[in-house]
Amino acid sequence: MRKLLLLTAVTLAACTAETSAAPVEGGPPQPIPIHGVTPGHKCSTAATDKFIGHAGTSRNGRAIKRASRAAVLRWAPPGYMLTMDYREDRVTVYLGPDRKITKINCG
């Protein structure tokens, strides 16, 4: 019983969360990146409307990703289930049944 309690305590101690990464030489510890945030990438759909109605090709996907300044591109074909987590570094491209782009949004 005592060994089991000791094993449980050690296992739980290993699961504690770190709040910062290793310090940069000569500076304070750097914060751990938050899920859904890529430094330097914040999605904006201001320049992506021109792709609506175009084919959902990898070439257009790369252009949308570049135009939106997103780090992550996600395709959403018709009937495809998506997670509802919001990521400010992700652009989502919705496709119609004809594989044409119907909507583009961030998140």
Protein backbone atom coordinates (compact mmCIF):
# COMPACT_ATOMS: atom_id res chain seq x y z
CA MET A 1 0.00 0.00 0.00
CA ARG A 2 2.81 2.38 0.89
CA LYS A 3 4.55 1.71 -2.44
CA LEU A 4 1.30 2.42 -4.27
CA LEU A 5 0.91 5.80 -2.54
CA LEU A 6 4.52 6.69 -3.29
CA LEU A 7 4.10 5.73 -6.94
CA THR A 8 0.91 7.81 -7.17
CA ALA A 9 2.62 10.85 -5.62
CA VAL A 10 5.57 10.61 -8.00
CA THR A 11 3.27 10.21 -11.00
CA LEU A 12 1.17 13.24 -10.04
CA ALA A 13 4.28 15.33 -9.43
CA ALA A 14 5.43 14.57 -12.97
CA CYS A 15 2.14 15.96 -14.33
CA THR A 16 2.54 19.48 -12.96
CA ALA A 17 2.49 22.22 -15.60
CA GLU A 18 5.47 24.41 -16.37
CA THR A 19 4.77 28.13 -16.66
CA SER A 20 7.84 29.10 -18.64
CA ALA A 21 10.39 27.64 -20.97
CA ALA A 22 14.14 27.61 -20.39
CA PRO A 23 15.58 31.09 -20.01
CA VAL A 24 17.25 32.70 -22.99
CA GLU A 25 20.89 33.45 -22.32
CA GLY A 26 21.06 36.77 -20.53
CA GLY A 27 17.31 37.22 -20.26
CA PRO A 28 14.21 36.17 -18.35
CA PRO A 29 12.39 32.87 -19.00
CA GLN A 30 10.33 32.93 -22.19
CA PRO A 31 6.59 32.19 -21.95
CA ILE A 32 5.33 28.90 -23.35
CA PRO A 33 3.29 29.47 -26.55
CA ILE A 34 -0.46 29.28 -26.09
CA HIS A 35 -2.33 26.77 -28.27
CA GLY A 36 -3.69 28.53 -31.32
CA VAL A 37 -1.22 31.38 -31.28
CA THR A 38 1.77 31.50 -33.59
CA PRO A 39 3.89 34.62 -33.05
CA GLY A 40 3.75 36.87 -36.12
CA HIS A 41 0.62 35.18 -37.51
CA LYS A 42 -2.81 36.70 -36.87
CA CYS A 43 -5.41 35.79 -39.47
CA SER A 44 -7.27 38.53 -41.34
CA THR A 45 -9.77 37.91 -44.15
CA ALA A 46 -9.61 41.48 -45.46
CA ALA A 47 -7.78 40.36 -48.64
CA THR A 48 -9.40 36.94 -49.19
CA ASP A 49 -12.82 37.80 -50.68
CA LYS A 50 -11.40 37.59 -54.20
CA PHE A 51 -11.08 33.79 -53.78
CA ILE A 52 -14.83 33.21 -53.21
CA GLY A 53 -16.22 31.23 -56.16
CA HIS A 54 -12.81 29.91 -57.22
CA ALA A 55 -11.79 26.24 -57.17
CA GLY A 56 -10.59 24.78 -53.87
CA THR A 57 -7.12 23.87 -55.10
CA SER A 58 -3.86 23.63 -53.19
CA ARG A 59 -2.56 26.61 -55.16
CA ASN A 60 -5.53 28.74 -54.06
CA GLY A 61 -5.13 27.39 -50.52
CA ARG A 62 -1.52 28.58 -50.39
CA ALA A 63 -2.56 31.97 -51.77
CA ILE A 64 -5.36 32.30 -49.18
CA LYS A 65 -3.00 31.35 -46.37
CA ARG A 66 -0.49 33.96 -47.56
CA ALA A 67 -3.16 36.67 -48.09
CA SER A 68 -4.71 36.07 -44.66
CA ARG A 69 -1.31 35.95 -42.88
CA ALA A 70 -2.43 32.72 -41.16
CA ALA A 71 -0.03 30.02 -40.01
CA VAL A 72 -2.57 27.21 -40.49
CA LEU A 73 -4.95 26.49 -43.39
CA ARG A 74 -8.01 24.31 -42.76
CA TRP A 75 -10.29 23.00 -45.52
CA ALA A 76 -13.99 22.46 -44.76
CA PRO A 77 -15.70 20.36 -47.45
CA PRO A 78 -19.53 20.06 -47.37
CA GLY A 79 -20.76 18.03 -44.40
CA TYR A 80 -17.32 17.98 -42.79
CA MET A 81 -17.32 18.33 -39.00
CA LEU A 82 -14.98 20.95 -37.55
CA THR A 83 -13.75 21.58 -34.04
CA MET A 84 -15.10 24.77 -32.50
CA ASP A 85 -11.84 25.88 -30.90
CA TYR A 86 -10.82 29.36 -31.96
CA ARG A 87 -7.30 29.84 -33.28
CA GLU A 88 -6.30 33.33 -34.29
CA ASP A 89 -3.52 31.90 -36.48
CA ARG A 90 -5.83 29.70 -38.61
CA VAL A 91 -7.88 30.39 -41.74
CA THR A 92 -10.77 28.08 -42.64
CA VAL A 93 -11.85 27.68 -46.28
CA TYR A 94 -15.38 26.32 -46.82
CA LEU A 95 -16.13 24.43 -50.02
CA GLY A 96 -19.43 23.82 -51.79
CA PRO A 97 -20.50 20.50 -53.36
CA ASP A 98 -18.79 21.57 -56.60
CA ARG A 99 -15.47 22.06 -54.67
CA LYS A 100 -15.66 25.83 -55.16
CA ILE A 101 -14.84 28.17 -52.28
CA THR A 102 -18.03 29.47 -50.65
CA LYS A 103 -16.72 31.16 -47.49
CA ILE A 104 -13.43 32.04 -45.81
CA ASN A 105 -13.05 32.96 -42.15
CA CYS A 106 -10.48 33.08 -39.40
CA GLY A 107 -10.49 30.82 -36.41
